[in-house]
Structures are given as C-alpha cells and as structure tokens.
Amino acid sequence: MIGSILWLGIIGLALGWEIICRLSHNRFLSIGRLGSFIAIRIPGRIALFAIWIFIGIHVFSRYTIPTTWP
C-alpha cells in the first residue's frame, strides 16, 4: 500500500512538473527535454536505460507476480 502511494506521488510530481514547464514557456526543462539532454552522450543513454529497466522490473514484480500461492 505504501509503495503504491509513493508511485502515485512520483507520477503526480512528474505530471505537475511537466504542466509547470509547459505553462512557463520553456523557462524550465521539461522531462522530455531533460531526457534528450542526458541522452546526447553514451553514458547518459546507458544510465537512462538502466533506470528504465530498474523501474520496469520493480513495477512488473510488484503488480504481476502473486505474493501467495493458492
């Protein structure tokens, strides 16, 4: 339950940040522009891929693998 609340909080913060960036007319870096800036070099691409894999595996194991067997 706490993990779900934290995930929803992170998603809410990201959505809020994106809205602020869109309304401020490029005064702040949006999430997409930040990702593009990081992915210019190879180490940044590797880091983004590792973060994507880490989050994907944890979300998959949290919501798809049953905790108890019948």
Protein backbone atom coordinates (compact mmCIF):
# COMPACT_ATOMS: atom_id res chain seq x y z
CA MET A 1 0.00 0.00 0.00
CA ILE A 2 2.77 2.44 0.90
CA GLY A 3 4.60 1.57 -2.32
CA SER A 4 1.51 2.30 -4.40
CA ILE A 5 1.08 5.66 -2.68
CA LEU A 6 4.73 6.51 -3.35
CA TRP A 7 4.43 5.55 -7.04
CA LEU A 8 1.30 7.69 -7.38
CA GLY A 9 3.14 10.55 -5.67
CA ILE A 10 6.07 10.29 -8.07
CA ILE A 11 3.74 10.22 -11.06
CA GLY A 12 1.85 13.22 -9.67
CA LEU A 13 5.06 15.18 -9.16
CA ALA A 14 6.23 14.38 -12.69
CA LEU A 15 2.88 15.41 -14.14
CA GLY A 16 2.89 18.62 -12.10
CA TRP A 17 6.43 19.43 -13.20
CA GLU A 18 5.52 18.87 -16.86
CA ILE A 19 2.50 21.17 -16.55
CA ILE A 20 4.60 23.89 -14.91
CA CYS A 21 7.21 23.59 -17.67
CA ARG A 22 4.58 23.82 -20.41
CA LEU A 23 2.92 26.86 -18.85
CA SER A 24 6.20 28.72 -18.22
CA HIS A 25 7.08 28.87 -21.96
CA ASN A 26 10.38 26.94 -21.85
CA ARG A 27 11.70 28.66 -18.74
CA PHE A 28 12.39 25.27 -17.13
CA LEU A 29 13.49 21.98 -18.68
CA SER A 30 10.60 19.60 -19.23
CA ILE A 31 11.04 15.89 -18.59
CA GLY A 32 11.35 15.19 -22.32
CA ARG A 33 13.97 17.90 -22.88
CA LEU A 34 15.90 16.73 -19.83
CA GLY A 35 15.89 13.17 -21.18
CA SER A 36 17.08 14.40 -24.58
CA PHE A 37 19.85 16.41 -22.94
CA ILE A 38 21.02 13.41 -20.90
CA ALA A 39 20.83 11.02 -23.88
CA ILE A 40 23.23 13.04 -26.04
CA ARG A 41 26.22 11.00 -24.83
CA ILE A 42 26.63 7.24 -24.46
CA PRO A 43 26.93 7.18 -20.62
CA GLY A 44 23.67 9.13 -20.38
CA ARG A 45 21.93 6.65 -22.67
CA ILE A 46 23.19 3.76 -20.56
CA ALA A 47 22.02 5.48 -17.36
CA LEU A 48 18.54 6.17 -18.79
CA PHE A 49 18.28 2.57 -19.99
CA ALA A 50 19.37 1.25 -16.57
CA ILE A 51 16.80 3.45 -14.79
CA TRP A 52 14.10 2.33 -17.23
CA ILE A 53 14.97 -1.34 -16.64
CA PHE A 54 15.11 -0.87 -12.85
CA ILE A 55 11.69 0.81 -12.70
CA GLY A 56 10.17 -1.66 -15.16
CA ILE A 57 11.34 -4.73 -13.26
CA HIS A 58 10.14 -3.37 -9.93
CA VAL A 59 6.73 -2.35 -11.27
CA PHE A 60 6.39 -5.74 -13.00
CA SER A 61 7.34 -7.71 -9.90
CA ARG A 62 5.14 -5.56 -7.66
CA TYR A 63 1.95 -5.79 -9.69
CA THR A 64 2.12 -9.04 -11.66
CA ILE A 65 3.80 -11.71 -9.54
CA PRO A 66 1.44 -13.10 -6.88
CA THR A 67 2.73 -12.96 -3.32
CA THR A 68 0.90 -16.09 -2.18
CA TRP A 69 0.19 -19.30 -3.99
CA PRO A 70 -3.31 -20.81 -3.78
